[in-house]
């Protein structure tokens, strides 16, 4: 299982790269809105260079022809580009996957909420399939079951698609998702920053520090 960082902020990426734990970055239009004022192409190229050789997902438009045009353009920006393709209701997103993967451009089918959608993305040959954990839960469905069933499709069918789970709202979401065994969890910076903390760890280390100070005060050659 791998961790991706769900952000378009280069400071956040730089910091978490220093932890040595992430194997990719995911972005979308909403994430880029937080970096309002940045040029999309310039910012994307910075991220691609920082994260290389790990993959960076960049989302295209929801119109087939515009998506294909953008994807081919983005693909020139770096060898680690992955094109986010929306799961469109008319099936045109699946057509985009078939075309782009046929041209050697990696795709990540995104905004999926069901096993049926994920199954279609996998059959279309997507490199990645992204399920939105909490948005699935918002619909009243069990996101853990959706993740487990999707992973079973991939494993039982011998597909090469990697399953990404996003839409993370708390560290406890991550713990739940781990039990469902996706290939990748993509986590926002603010959530990832909370994960090293546990109050019992803090109190334990304070206890150890206090014991060490007492030992040093009484230290002598034995």
N, C-alpha and C. Protein backbone atom coordinates (compact mmCIF):
# COMPACT_ATOMS: atom_id res chain seq x y z
N UNK A 1 0.85 -1.19 0.00
CA UNK A 1 0.00 0.00 0.00
C UNK A 1 0.88 1.25 0.00
N UNK A 2 0.49 2.23 -0.79
CA UNK A 2 1.27 3.46 -0.91
C UNK A 2 0.46 4.67 -0.46
N UNK A 3 1.18 5.73 -0.08
CA UNK A 3 0.56 7.00 0.28
C UNK A 3 0.85 8.02 -0.81
N UNK A 4 -0.20 8.67 -1.30
CA UNK A 4 -0.06 9.82 -2.17
C UNK A 4 -0.49 11.05 -1.37
N UNK A 5 0.02 12.22 -1.76
CA UNK A 5 -0.37 13.48 -1.13
C UNK A 5 -1.37 14.20 -2.02
N UNK A 6 -2.50 14.58 -1.45
CA UNK A 6 -3.59 15.21 -2.20
C UNK A 6 -3.48 16.73 -2.05
N UNK A 7 -2.69 17.36 -2.91
CA UNK A 7 -2.43 18.79 -2.79
C UNK A 7 -1.80 19.31 -4.08
N UNK A 8 -1.85 20.64 -4.25
CA UNK A 8 -1.12 21.29 -5.34
C UNK A 8 -0.18 22.36 -4.78
N UNK A 9 0.04 22.32 -3.46
CA UNK A 9 0.88 23.31 -2.79
C UNK A 9 2.32 22.79 -2.71
N UNK A 10 3.24 23.52 -3.31
CA UNK A 10 4.62 23.04 -3.39
C UNK A 10 5.32 23.02 -2.03
N UNK A 11 4.95 23.94 -1.14
CA UNK A 11 5.54 23.92 0.21
C UNK A 11 5.12 22.66 0.96
N UNK A 12 3.85 22.29 0.83
CA UNK A 12 3.36 21.08 1.47
C UNK A 12 4.04 19.84 0.90
N UNK A 13 4.18 19.82 -0.42
CA UNK A 13 4.83 18.68 -1.07
C UNK A 13 6.28 18.56 -0.62
N UNK A 14 6.99 19.69 -0.59
CA UNK A 14 8.40 19.68 -0.18
C UNK A 14 8.56 19.13 1.23
N UNK A 15 7.70 19.58 2.14
CA UNK A 15 7.78 19.13 3.53
C UNK A 15 7.54 17.63 3.65
N UNK A 16 6.47 17.14 3.02
CA UNK A 16 6.12 15.73 3.18
C UNK A 16 7.07 14.82 2.39
N UNK A 17 7.63 15.30 1.30
CA UNK A 17 8.68 14.53 0.63
C UNK A 17 9.83 14.25 1.58
N UNK A 18 10.11 15.22 2.45
CA UNK A 18 11.17 15.06 3.44
C UNK A 18 10.90 13.96 4.45
N UNK A 19 9.65 13.59 4.61
CA UNK A 19 9.31 12.48 5.51
C UNK A 19 9.66 11.13 4.88
N UNK A 20 9.79 11.11 3.56
CA UNK A 20 10.15 9.86 2.88
C UNK A 20 9.03 8.84 2.78
N UNK A 21 7.77 9.30 2.77
CA UNK A 21 6.66 8.35 2.82
C UNK A 21 5.76 8.37 1.59
N UNK A 22 5.78 9.44 0.79
CA UNK A 22 4.81 9.53 -0.31
C UNK A 22 5.40 9.02 -1.61
N UNK A 23 4.52 8.43 -2.41
CA UNK A 23 4.92 7.83 -3.69
C UNK A 23 4.15 8.44 -4.86
N UNK A 24 3.57 9.63 -4.65
CA UNK A 24 2.83 10.28 -5.71
C UNK A 24 2.01 11.44 -5.19
N UNK A 25 1.46 12.23 -6.11
CA UNK A 25 0.63 13.39 -5.77
C UNK A 25 -0.62 13.37 -6.64
N UNK A 26 -1.76 13.73 -6.03
CA UNK A 26 -3.00 13.88 -6.79
C UNK A 26 -3.50 15.32 -6.66
N UNK A 27 -4.09 15.82 -7.73
CA UNK A 27 -4.65 17.17 -7.73
C UNK A 27 -6.01 17.13 -8.44
N UNK A 28 -6.76 18.20 -8.29
CA UNK A 28 -7.98 18.41 -9.08
C UNK A 28 -8.25 19.91 -9.12
N UNK A 29 -9.33 20.29 -9.77
CA UNK A 29 -9.63 21.71 -9.93
C UNK A 29 -9.87 22.39 -8.58
N UNK A 30 -10.54 21.70 -7.68
CA UNK A 30 -10.84 22.28 -6.36
C UNK A 30 -9.55 22.49 -5.57
N UNK A 31 -8.63 21.55 -5.69
CA UNK A 31 -7.34 21.67 -4.99
C UNK A 31 -6.54 22.83 -5.57
N UNK A 32 -6.54 22.97 -6.90
CA UNK A 32 -5.80 24.07 -7.52
C UNK A 32 -6.41 25.43 -7.17
N UNK A 33 -7.72 25.45 -6.89
CA UNK A 33 -8.36 26.71 -6.51
C UNK A 33 -7.74 27.29 -5.24
N UNK A 34 -7.25 26.41 -4.36
CA UNK A 34 -6.59 26.86 -3.13
C UNK A 34 -5.28 27.58 -3.44
N UNK A 35 -4.73 27.34 -4.62
CA UNK A 35 -3.49 28.00 -5.05
C UNK A 35 -3.81 29.13 -6.02
N UNK A 36 -4.97 29.72 -5.85
CA UNK A 36 -5.45 30.78 -6.75
C UNK A 36 -4.39 31.87 -6.92
N UNK A 37 -4.13 32.21 -8.17
CA UNK A 37 -3.09 33.19 -8.47
C UNK A 37 -1.89 32.54 -9.13
N UNK A 38 -1.75 31.21 -8.95
CA UNK A 38 -0.67 30.48 -9.59
C UNK A 38 -1.08 30.11 -11.02
N UNK A 39 -0.12 30.11 -11.92
CA UNK A 39 -0.35 29.65 -13.28
C UNK A 39 -0.40 28.12 -13.28
N UNK A 40 -1.46 27.54 -13.85
CA UNK A 40 -1.65 26.09 -13.80
C UNK A 40 -0.47 25.33 -14.39
N UNK A 41 -0.03 25.73 -15.57
CA UNK A 41 1.06 25.01 -16.22
C UNK A 41 2.36 25.14 -15.43
N UNK A 42 2.68 26.34 -14.99
CA UNK A 42 3.92 26.55 -14.24
C UNK A 42 3.90 25.76 -12.94
N UNK A 43 2.78 25.82 -12.21
CA UNK A 43 2.67 25.11 -10.94
C UNK A 43 2.74 23.60 -11.15
N UNK A 44 2.07 23.11 -12.18
CA UNK A 44 2.07 21.67 -12.46
C UNK A 44 3.48 21.18 -12.79
N UNK A 45 4.20 21.94 -13.59
CA UNK A 45 5.56 21.55 -13.95
C UNK A 45 6.49 21.53 -12.73
N UNK A 46 6.29 22.48 -11.81
CA UNK A 46 7.06 22.48 -10.57
C UNK A 46 6.81 21.20 -9.78
N UNK A 47 5.54 20.85 -9.66
CA UNK A 47 5.17 19.65 -8.90
C UNK A 47 5.73 18.40 -9.56
N UNK A 48 5.59 18.31 -10.87
CA UNK A 48 6.11 17.15 -11.60
C UNK A 48 7.60 16.98 -11.39
N UNK A 49 8.34 18.08 -11.41
CA UNK A 49 9.78 18.02 -11.21
C UNK A 49 10.12 17.63 -9.77
N UNK A 50 9.40 18.19 -8.81
CA UNK A 50 9.66 17.88 -7.40
C UNK A 50 9.43 16.41 -7.09
N UNK A 51 8.36 15.86 -7.64
CA UNK A 51 7.91 14.52 -7.27
C UNK A 51 8.56 13.43 -8.12
N UNK A 52 9.06 13.77 -9.29
CA UNK A 52 9.68 12.81 -10.20
C UNK A 52 10.63 11.85 -9.46
N UNK A 53 10.53 10.54 -9.70
CA UNK A 53 9.80 9.85 -10.77
C UNK A 53 8.39 9.40 -10.38
N UNK A 54 7.91 9.83 -9.22
CA UNK A 54 6.58 9.41 -8.78
C UNK A 54 5.49 10.12 -9.58
N UNK A 55 4.33 9.49 -9.75
CA UNK A 55 3.26 10.04 -10.58
C UNK A 55 2.54 11.23 -9.98
N UNK A 56 2.10 12.12 -10.86
CA UNK A 56 1.30 13.29 -10.47
C UNK A 56 0.04 13.29 -11.34
N UNK A 57 -1.12 13.25 -10.70
CA UNK A 57 -2.39 13.26 -11.43
C UNK A 57 -2.87 14.69 -11.66
N UNK A 58 -3.10 15.03 -12.93
CA UNK A 58 -3.61 16.34 -13.33
C UNK A 58 -4.95 16.13 -14.02
N UNK A 59 -5.97 16.88 -13.60
CA UNK A 59 -7.32 16.65 -14.11
C UNK A 59 -7.61 17.48 -15.35
N UNK A 60 -8.28 16.84 -16.30
CA UNK A 60 -8.66 17.51 -17.53
C UNK A 60 -10.11 17.95 -17.52
N UNK A 61 -10.57 18.61 -18.60
CA UNK A 61 -11.95 19.08 -18.71
C UNK A 61 -12.94 17.91 -18.81
N UNK A 62 -14.23 18.21 -18.66
CA UNK A 62 -15.27 17.19 -18.71
C UNK A 62 -15.82 16.95 -20.11
N UNK A 63 -15.29 17.63 -21.09
CA UNK A 63 -15.68 17.45 -22.49
C UNK A 63 -14.65 16.57 -23.18
N UNK A 64 -15.10 15.55 -23.91
CA UNK A 64 -14.19 14.56 -24.48
C UNK A 64 -13.09 15.17 -25.33
N UNK A 65 -13.45 15.98 -26.30
CA UNK A 65 -12.43 16.53 -27.21
C UNK A 65 -11.47 17.45 -26.47
N UNK A 66 -11.99 18.28 -25.58
CA UNK A 66 -11.12 19.16 -24.80
C UNK A 66 -10.23 18.36 -23.86
N UNK A 67 -10.77 17.28 -23.31
CA UNK A 67 -10.00 16.42 -22.42
C UNK A 67 -8.84 15.77 -23.16
N UNK A 68 -9.10 15.24 -24.34
CA UNK A 68 -8.04 14.60 -25.12
C UNK A 68 -6.96 15.61 -25.50
N UNK A 69 -7.38 16.80 -25.91
CA UNK A 69 -6.42 17.85 -26.28
C UNK A 69 -5.56 18.25 -25.09
N UNK A 70 -6.20 18.46 -23.95
CA UNK A 70 -5.46 18.84 -22.74
C UNK A 70 -4.53 17.73 -22.29
N UNK A 71 -5.01 16.50 -22.35
CA UNK A 71 -4.20 15.36 -21.90
C UNK A 71 -2.92 15.24 -22.71
N UNK A 72 -3.03 15.40 -24.00
CA UNK A 72 -1.84 15.30 -24.86
C UNK A 72 -0.87 16.44 -24.59
N UNK A 73 -1.41 17.59 -24.25
CA UNK A 73 -0.58 18.74 -23.90
C UNK A 73 0.12 18.51 -22.57
N UNK A 74 -0.67 18.12 -21.54
CA UNK A 74 -0.10 17.88 -20.21
C UNK A 74 0.98 16.80 -20.26
N UNK A 75 0.77 15.81 -21.10
CA UNK A 75 1.69 14.67 -21.15
C UNK A 75 3.10 15.08 -21.58
N UNK A 76 3.21 16.23 -22.23
CA UNK A 76 4.51 16.73 -22.67
C UNK A 76 5.29 17.36 -21.51
N UNK A 77 4.62 17.61 -20.39
CA UNK A 77 5.24 18.33 -19.28
C UNK A 77 6.17 17.47 -18.43
N UNK A 78 6.02 16.16 -18.52
CA UNK A 78 6.87 15.28 -17.72
C UNK A 78 6.50 13.83 -17.93
N UNK A 79 7.47 12.95 -17.68
CA UNK A 79 7.23 11.52 -17.87
C UNK A 79 6.34 10.93 -16.78
N UNK A 80 6.14 11.68 -15.70
CA UNK A 80 5.35 11.17 -14.58
C UNK A 80 3.93 11.74 -14.54
N UNK A 81 3.48 12.28 -15.66
CA UNK A 81 2.11 12.81 -15.75
C UNK A 81 1.10 11.67 -15.80
N UNK A 82 0.05 11.81 -15.01
CA UNK A 82 -1.12 10.93 -15.10
C UNK A 82 -2.34 11.83 -15.33
N UNK A 83 -3.15 11.49 -16.31
CA UNK A 83 -4.31 12.31 -16.64
C UNK A 83 -5.53 11.81 -15.88
N UNK A 84 -6.12 12.70 -15.08
CA UNK A 84 -7.37 12.37 -14.40
C UNK A 84 -8.53 12.50 -15.39
N UNK A 85 -9.22 11.40 -15.56
CA UNK A 85 -10.36 11.36 -16.48
C UNK A 85 -11.64 11.19 -15.66
N UNK A 86 -12.59 12.10 -15.78
CA UNK A 86 -13.83 11.98 -15.00
C UNK A 86 -14.69 10.81 -15.49
N UNK A 87 -15.37 10.16 -14.55
CA UNK A 87 -16.33 9.11 -14.90
C UNK A 87 -17.62 9.80 -15.34
N UNK A 88 -17.71 10.08 -16.62
CA UNK A 88 -18.86 10.82 -17.16
C UNK A 88 -20.04 9.89 -17.42
N UNK A 89 -21.23 10.40 -17.20
CA UNK A 89 -22.45 9.59 -17.26
C UNK A 89 -22.73 9.04 -18.66
N UNK A 90 -22.22 9.72 -19.69
CA UNK A 90 -22.49 9.26 -21.06
C UNK A 90 -21.45 8.25 -21.56
N UNK A 91 -20.48 7.90 -20.70
CA UNK A 91 -19.47 6.92 -21.09
C UNK A 91 -18.30 7.49 -21.84
N UNK A 92 -18.31 8.80 -22.12
CA UNK A 92 -17.23 9.39 -22.91
C UNK A 92 -15.90 9.38 -22.16
N UNK A 93 -15.95 9.37 -20.82
CA UNK A 93 -14.72 9.26 -20.06
C UNK A 93 -14.02 7.93 -20.32
N UNK A 94 -14.81 6.87 -20.45
CA UNK A 94 -14.25 5.55 -20.74
C UNK A 94 -13.61 5.53 -22.13
N UNK A 95 -14.25 6.21 -23.07
CA UNK A 95 -13.68 6.33 -24.41
C UNK A 95 -12.34 7.05 -24.35
N UNK A 96 -12.27 8.09 -23.53
CA UNK A 96 -11.02 8.83 -23.37
C UNK A 96 -9.92 7.93 -22.82
N UNK A 97 -10.27 7.10 -21.85
CA UNK A 97 -9.29 6.17 -21.27
C UNK A 97 -8.74 5.25 -22.35
N UNK A 98 -9.62 4.67 -23.14
CA UNK A 98 -9.20 3.75 -24.20
C UNK A 98 -8.25 4.44 -25.18
N UNK A 99 -8.59 5.66 -25.57
CA UNK A 99 -7.77 6.39 -26.53
C UNK A 99 -6.42 6.76 -25.92
N UNK A 100 -6.44 7.35 -24.72
CA UNK A 100 -5.20 7.84 -24.11
C UNK A 100 -4.27 6.70 -23.72
N UNK A 101 -4.81 5.66 -23.11
CA UNK A 101 -3.96 4.52 -22.75
C UNK A 101 -3.37 3.88 -24.00
N UNK A 102 -4.14 3.90 -25.10
CA UNK A 102 -3.63 3.38 -26.37
C UNK A 102 -2.48 4.20 -26.93
N UNK A 103 -2.42 5.47 -26.52
CA UNK A 103 -1.32 6.36 -26.94
C UNK A 103 -0.18 6.35 -25.93
N UNK A 104 -0.28 5.51 -24.91
CA UNK A 104 0.78 5.42 -23.90
C UNK A 104 0.69 6.48 -22.83
N UNK A 105 -0.48 7.11 -22.68
CA UNK A 105 -0.69 8.14 -21.66
C UNK A 105 -1.44 7.52 -20.49
N UNK A 106 -0.84 7.55 -19.31
CA UNK A 106 -1.47 6.96 -18.13
C UNK A 106 -2.68 7.76 -17.69
N UNK A 107 -3.73 7.04 -17.29
CA UNK A 107 -4.97 7.70 -16.87
C UNK A 107 -5.37 7.28 -15.46
N UNK A 108 -6.13 8.17 -14.82
CA UNK A 108 -6.67 7.93 -13.48
C UNK A 108 -8.15 8.32 -13.54
N UNK A 109 -9.03 7.33 -13.57
CA UNK A 109 -10.46 7.63 -13.65
C UNK A 109 -10.94 8.07 -12.27
N UNK A 110 -11.56 9.24 -12.23
CA UNK A 110 -11.82 9.90 -10.95
C UNK A 110 -13.30 10.17 -10.70
N UNK A 111 -13.59 10.56 -9.46
CA UNK A 111 -14.95 10.91 -9.01
C UNK A 111 -15.89 9.72 -9.06
N UNK A 112 -15.36 8.54 -8.73
CA UNK A 112 -16.19 7.33 -8.76
C UNK A 112 -16.77 7.03 -7.38
N UNK A 113 -18.03 6.60 -7.39
CA UNK A 113 -18.78 6.39 -6.15
C UNK A 113 -19.33 4.97 -6.02
N UNK A 114 -19.10 4.12 -7.02
CA UNK A 114 -19.72 2.79 -6.98
C UNK A 114 -18.80 1.73 -7.56
N UNK A 115 -19.12 0.48 -7.22
CA UNK A 115 -18.39 -0.66 -7.78
C UNK A 115 -18.59 -0.73 -9.29
N UNK A 116 -19.80 -0.47 -9.75
CA UNK A 116 -20.08 -0.50 -11.19
C UNK A 116 -19.18 0.46 -11.96
N UNK A 117 -19.06 1.68 -11.45
CA UNK A 117 -18.20 2.67 -12.12
C UNK A 117 -16.75 2.20 -12.14
N UNK A 118 -16.28 1.72 -11.00
CA UNK A 118 -14.90 1.26 -10.91
C UNK A 118 -14.65 0.08 -11.84
N UNK A 119 -15.61 -0.83 -11.92
CA UNK A 119 -15.51 -2.00 -12.80
C UNK A 119 -15.32 -1.56 -14.25
N UNK A 120 -16.09 -0.57 -14.68
CA UNK A 120 -15.97 -0.08 -16.05
C UNK A 120 -14.60 0.56 -16.29
N UNK A 121 -14.12 1.34 -15.34
CA UNK A 121 -12.81 1.98 -15.48
C UNK A 121 -11.70 0.94 -15.59
N UNK A 122 -11.81 -0.09 -14.78
CA UNK A 122 -10.81 -1.17 -14.80
C UNK A 122 -10.84 -1.89 -16.15
N UNK A 123 -12.04 -2.22 -16.61
CA UNK A 123 -12.18 -2.91 -17.90
C UNK A 123 -11.69 -2.05 -19.06
N UNK A 124 -11.82 -0.73 -18.93
CA UNK A 124 -11.37 0.18 -19.99
C UNK A 124 -9.85 0.26 -20.06
N UNK A 125 -9.18 -0.22 -19.01
CA UNK A 125 -7.72 -0.24 -19.03
C UNK A 125 -7.05 0.94 -18.34
N UNK A 126 -7.77 1.61 -17.44
CA UNK A 126 -7.19 2.75 -16.72
C UNK A 126 -6.00 2.30 -15.87
N UNK A 127 -4.98 3.13 -15.81
CA UNK A 127 -3.82 2.83 -14.95
C UNK A 127 -4.20 2.93 -13.48
N UNK A 128 -5.08 3.87 -13.17
CA UNK A 128 -5.55 4.09 -11.79
C UNK A 128 -7.06 4.28 -11.80
N UNK A 129 -7.69 3.87 -10.70
CA UNK A 129 -9.13 4.08 -10.51
C UNK A 129 -9.33 4.69 -9.13
N UNK A 130 -9.97 5.85 -9.07
CA UNK A 130 -10.10 6.60 -7.81
C UNK A 130 -11.52 6.57 -7.27
N UNK A 131 -11.65 6.02 -6.06
CA UNK A 131 -12.92 6.02 -5.33
C UNK A 131 -12.89 7.13 -4.29
N UNK A 132 -14.02 7.82 -4.12
CA UNK A 132 -14.11 8.95 -3.18
C UNK A 132 -14.80 8.50 -1.90
N UNK A 133 -14.00 8.16 -0.91
CA UNK A 133 -14.45 7.49 0.31
C UNK A 133 -15.62 8.18 1.00
N UNK A 134 -15.42 9.41 1.43
CA UNK A 134 -16.48 10.08 2.19
C UNK A 134 -17.65 10.54 1.33
N UNK A 135 -17.40 10.81 0.07
CA UNK A 135 -18.52 11.14 -0.81
C UNK A 135 -19.40 9.91 -1.05
N UNK A 136 -18.79 8.73 -1.06
CA UNK A 136 -19.58 7.49 -1.12
C UNK A 136 -20.41 7.35 0.15
N UNK A 137 -19.79 7.59 1.27
CA UNK A 137 -20.50 7.51 2.56
C UNK A 137 -21.65 8.52 2.61
N UNK A 138 -21.44 9.69 2.03
CA UNK A 138 -22.49 10.72 2.01
C UNK A 138 -23.76 10.25 1.28
N UNK A 139 -23.59 9.32 0.35
CA UNK A 139 -24.75 8.81 -0.40
C UNK A 139 -25.51 7.74 0.38
N UNK A 140 -24.95 7.29 1.51
CA UNK A 140 -25.58 6.25 2.30
C UNK A 140 -25.01 4.87 2.06
N UNK A 141 -24.08 4.75 1.11
CA UNK A 141 -23.43 3.46 0.84
C UNK A 141 -22.26 3.25 1.79
N UNK A 142 -21.82 2.01 1.90
CA UNK A 142 -20.68 1.65 2.75
C UNK A 142 -19.40 1.73 1.92
N UNK A 143 -18.56 2.74 2.13
CA UNK A 143 -17.37 2.90 1.29
C UNK A 143 -16.36 1.77 1.46
N UNK A 144 -16.31 1.16 2.64
CA UNK A 144 -15.38 0.06 2.85
C UNK A 144 -15.72 -1.12 1.94
N UNK A 145 -17.00 -1.43 1.84
CA UNK A 145 -17.43 -2.52 0.97
C UNK A 145 -17.14 -2.20 -0.50
N UNK A 146 -17.34 -0.95 -0.88
CA UNK A 146 -17.05 -0.55 -2.26
C UNK A 146 -15.56 -0.73 -2.56
N UNK A 147 -14.71 -0.34 -1.63
CA UNK A 147 -13.26 -0.49 -1.82
C UNK A 147 -12.89 -1.96 -1.89
N UNK A 148 -13.39 -2.75 -0.96
CA UNK A 148 -13.06 -4.19 -0.93
C UNK A 148 -13.50 -4.89 -2.21
N UNK A 149 -14.71 -4.60 -2.66
CA UNK A 149 -15.22 -5.26 -3.86
C UNK A 149 -14.42 -4.84 -5.10
N UNK A 150 -14.04 -3.57 -5.15
CA UNK A 150 -13.24 -3.10 -6.28
C UNK A 150 -11.87 -3.74 -6.29
N UNK A 151 -11.25 -3.85 -5.12
CA UNK A 151 -9.94 -4.50 -5.04
C UNK A 151 -10.05 -5.97 -5.47
N UNK A 152 -11.15 -6.62 -5.10
CA UNK A 152 -11.35 -8.02 -5.49
C UNK A 152 -11.47 -8.17 -7.01
N UNK A 153 -12.14 -7.21 -7.66
CA UNK A 153 -12.24 -7.25 -9.12
C UNK A 153 -10.85 -7.22 -9.75
N UNK A 154 -10.02 -6.33 -9.25
CA UNK A 154 -8.66 -6.18 -9.79
C UNK A 154 -7.85 -7.45 -9.56
N UNK A 155 -7.86 -7.95 -8.34
CA UNK A 155 -7.05 -9.12 -7.99
C UNK A 155 -7.54 -10.38 -8.70
N UNK A 156 -8.84 -10.60 -8.67
CA UNK A 156 -9.39 -11.83 -9.26
C UNK A 156 -9.30 -11.84 -10.77
N UNK A 157 -9.35 -10.65 -11.37
CA UNK A 157 -9.29 -10.57 -12.83
C UNK A 157 -7.89 -10.40 -13.38
N UNK A 158 -6.91 -10.23 -12.50
CA UNK A 158 -5.53 -10.06 -12.96
C UNK A 158 -5.31 -8.75 -13.69
N UNK A 159 -6.06 -7.72 -13.32
CA UNK A 159 -5.92 -6.41 -13.97
C UNK A 159 -4.71 -5.65 -13.41
N UNK A 160 -4.19 -4.71 -14.19
CA UNK A 160 -3.04 -3.91 -13.77
C UNK A 160 -3.43 -2.58 -13.14
N UNK A 161 -4.70 -2.26 -13.15
CA UNK A 161 -5.18 -1.00 -12.56
C UNK A 161 -4.85 -0.95 -11.07
N UNK A 162 -4.39 0.23 -10.61
CA UNK A 162 -4.17 0.44 -9.18
C UNK A 162 -5.33 1.25 -8.60
N UNK A 163 -5.83 0.78 -7.48
CA UNK A 163 -6.97 1.42 -6.83
C UNK A 163 -6.51 2.51 -5.86
N UNK A 164 -6.98 3.74 -6.10
CA UNK A 164 -6.70 4.88 -5.22
C UNK A 164 -7.98 5.22 -4.45
N UNK A 165 -7.83 5.46 -3.16
CA UNK A 165 -8.96 5.94 -2.36
C UNK A 165 -8.64 7.33 -1.85
N UNK A 166 -9.53 8.28 -2.14
CA UNK A 166 -9.38 9.66 -1.68
C UNK A 166 -10.62 10.13 -0.95
N UNK A 167 -10.80 11.43 -0.87
CA UNK A 167 -11.90 12.05 -0.11
C UNK A 167 -11.77 11.68 1.37
N UNK A 168 -10.61 12.04 1.92
CA UNK A 168 -10.29 11.74 3.32
C UNK A 168 -10.56 12.98 4.16
N UNK A 169 -11.29 12.81 5.26
CA UNK A 169 -11.65 13.94 6.11
C UNK A 169 -11.06 13.86 7.51
N UNK A 170 -10.48 12.73 7.89
CA UNK A 170 -9.92 12.59 9.23
C UNK A 170 -8.92 11.45 9.26
N UNK A 171 -8.01 11.45 10.25
CA UNK A 171 -7.09 10.32 10.39
C UNK A 171 -7.80 8.99 10.59
N UNK A 172 -8.96 9.00 11.24
CA UNK A 172 -9.69 7.75 11.44
C UNK A 172 -10.18 7.16 10.12
N UNK A 173 -10.43 8.02 9.13
CA UNK A 173 -10.78 7.52 7.80
C UNK A 173 -9.65 6.67 7.25
N UNK A 174 -8.43 7.13 7.44
CA UNK A 174 -7.26 6.40 6.93
C UNK A 174 -7.19 5.01 7.56
N UNK A 175 -7.42 4.94 8.87
CA UNK A 175 -7.39 3.65 9.56
C UNK A 175 -8.44 2.70 8.99
N UNK A 176 -9.62 3.21 8.71
CA UNK A 176 -10.67 2.38 8.11
C UNK A 176 -10.26 1.89 6.73
N UNK A 177 -9.73 2.79 5.93
CA UNK A 177 -9.38 2.45 4.55
C UNK A 177 -8.26 1.42 4.50
N UNK A 178 -7.31 1.51 5.40
CA UNK A 178 -6.21 0.53 5.44
C UNK A 178 -6.76 -0.89 5.52
N UNK A 179 -7.83 -1.07 6.30
CA UNK A 179 -8.41 -2.40 6.47
C UNK A 179 -9.02 -2.94 5.18
N UNK A 180 -9.35 -2.04 4.23
CA UNK A 180 -9.95 -2.46 2.96
C UNK A 180 -8.90 -2.76 1.89
N UNK A 181 -7.63 -2.42 2.17
CA UNK A 181 -6.49 -2.79 1.33
C UNK A 181 -6.50 -2.27 -0.11
N UNK A 182 -6.71 -0.97 -0.31
CA UNK A 182 -6.50 -0.43 -1.66
C UNK A 182 -5.00 -0.39 -1.95
N UNK A 183 -4.64 -0.15 -3.20
CA UNK A 183 -3.22 -0.02 -3.52
C UNK A 183 -2.65 1.29 -2.98
N UNK A 184 -3.49 2.34 -2.98
CA UNK A 184 -3.03 3.69 -2.67
C UNK A 184 -4.10 4.43 -1.88
N UNK A 185 -3.66 5.20 -0.87
CA UNK A 185 -4.53 6.16 -0.20
C UNK A 185 -3.96 7.54 -0.46
N UNK A 186 -4.76 8.44 -0.99
CA UNK A 186 -4.28 9.81 -1.21
C UNK A 186 -4.85 10.71 -0.12
N UNK A 187 -3.95 11.35 0.61
CA UNK A 187 -4.31 12.02 1.87
C UNK A 187 -3.99 13.51 1.80
N UNK A 188 -4.91 14.37 2.20
CA UNK A 188 -4.61 15.81 2.26
C UNK A 188 -3.53 16.11 3.29
N UNK A 189 -2.82 17.19 3.04
CA UNK A 189 -1.71 17.61 3.92
C UNK A 189 -2.15 17.75 5.36
N UNK A 190 -3.27 18.45 5.60
CA UNK A 190 -3.68 18.72 6.99
C UNK A 190 -4.03 17.44 7.74
N UNK A 191 -4.50 16.42 7.03
CA UNK A 191 -4.80 15.14 7.67
C UNK A 191 -3.51 14.37 7.93
N UNK A 192 -2.62 14.36 6.96
CA UNK A 192 -1.35 13.65 7.11
C UNK A 192 -0.54 14.21 8.27
N UNK A 193 -0.60 15.52 8.46
CA UNK A 193 0.14 16.16 9.55
C UNK A 193 -0.37 15.74 10.93
N UNK A 194 -1.63 15.32 11.01
CA UNK A 194 -2.19 14.88 12.29
C UNK A 194 -1.82 13.44 12.63
N UNK A 195 -1.44 12.67 11.63
CA UNK A 195 -1.30 11.23 11.83
C UNK A 195 -0.15 10.80 12.74
N UNK A 196 0.98 11.52 12.83
CA UNK A 196 2.03 11.10 13.76
C UNK A 196 1.66 11.28 15.24
N UNK A 197 0.62 12.07 15.51
CA UNK A 197 0.30 12.41 16.90
C UNK A 197 -0.58 11.36 17.57
N UNK A 198 -0.21 11.01 18.80
CA UNK A 198 -1.09 10.26 19.70
C UNK A 198 -0.78 10.74 21.11
N UNK A 199 -1.80 11.11 21.85
CA UNK A 199 -1.58 11.72 23.16
C UNK A 199 -0.82 10.78 24.10
N UNK A 200 -1.04 9.48 23.96
CA UNK A 200 -0.34 8.54 24.84
C UNK A 200 1.14 8.44 24.47
N UNK A 201 1.45 8.60 23.20
CA UNK A 201 2.85 8.65 22.79
C UNK A 201 3.53 9.87 23.39
N UNK A 202 2.85 11.02 23.34
CA UNK A 202 3.41 12.25 23.90
C UNK A 202 3.67 12.10 25.39
N UNK A 203 2.70 11.58 26.14
CA UNK A 203 2.87 11.44 27.59
C UNK A 203 3.94 10.41 27.92
N UNK A 204 4.05 9.37 27.12
CA UNK A 204 5.08 8.35 27.34
C UNK A 204 6.47 8.93 27.14
N UNK A 205 6.64 9.71 26.08
CA UNK A 205 7.95 10.31 25.82
C UNK A 205 8.31 11.34 26.89
N UNK A 206 7.31 12.07 27.38
CA UNK A 206 7.56 13.00 28.49
C UNK A 206 8.01 12.25 29.73
N UNK A 207 7.41 11.11 29.97
CA UNK A 207 7.80 10.26 31.11
C UNK A 207 9.24 9.78 30.96
N UNK A 208 9.59 9.36 29.74
CA UNK A 208 10.95 8.90 29.47
C UNK A 208 11.96 10.03 29.66
N UNK A 209 11.60 11.23 29.16
CA UNK A 209 12.49 12.39 29.31
C UNK A 209 12.72 12.71 30.79
N UNK A 210 11.66 12.67 31.57
CA UNK A 210 11.77 12.95 33.00
C UNK A 210 12.66 11.92 33.69
N UNK A 211 12.49 10.66 33.33
CA UNK A 211 13.32 9.60 33.90
C UNK A 211 14.79 9.79 33.52
N UNK A 212 15.03 10.22 32.29
CA UNK A 212 16.40 10.43 31.84
C UNK A 212 17.06 11.58 32.61
N UNK A 213 16.31 12.65 32.83
CA UNK A 213 16.85 13.77 33.58
C UNK A 213 17.19 13.36 35.01
N UNK A 214 16.34 12.56 35.62
CA UNK A 214 16.62 12.07 36.98
C UNK A 214 17.85 11.17 37.00
N UNK A 215 17.98 10.36 35.96
CA UNK A 215 19.15 9.49 35.85
C UNK A 215 20.43 10.31 35.72
N UNK A 216 20.39 11.35 34.88
CA UNK A 216 21.58 12.17 34.65
C UNK A 216 22.02 12.89 35.92
N UNK A 217 21.04 13.33 36.72
CA UNK A 217 21.37 14.03 37.97
C UNK A 217 22.09 13.11 38.95
N UNK A 218 21.72 11.84 38.94
CA UNK A 218 22.30 10.89 39.90
C UNK A 218 23.43 10.07 39.29
N UNK A 219 23.79 10.40 38.06
CA UNK A 219 24.75 9.56 37.34
C UNK A 219 26.13 9.61 38.01
N UNK A 220 26.74 8.45 38.10
CA UNK A 220 28.12 8.34 38.58
C UNK A 220 28.74 7.11 37.96
N UNK A 221 30.05 6.99 38.09
CA UNK A 221 30.73 5.82 37.54
C UNK A 221 30.46 4.63 38.44
N UNK A 222 29.86 3.59 37.85
CA UNK A 222 29.52 2.39 38.63
C UNK A 222 30.69 1.40 38.62
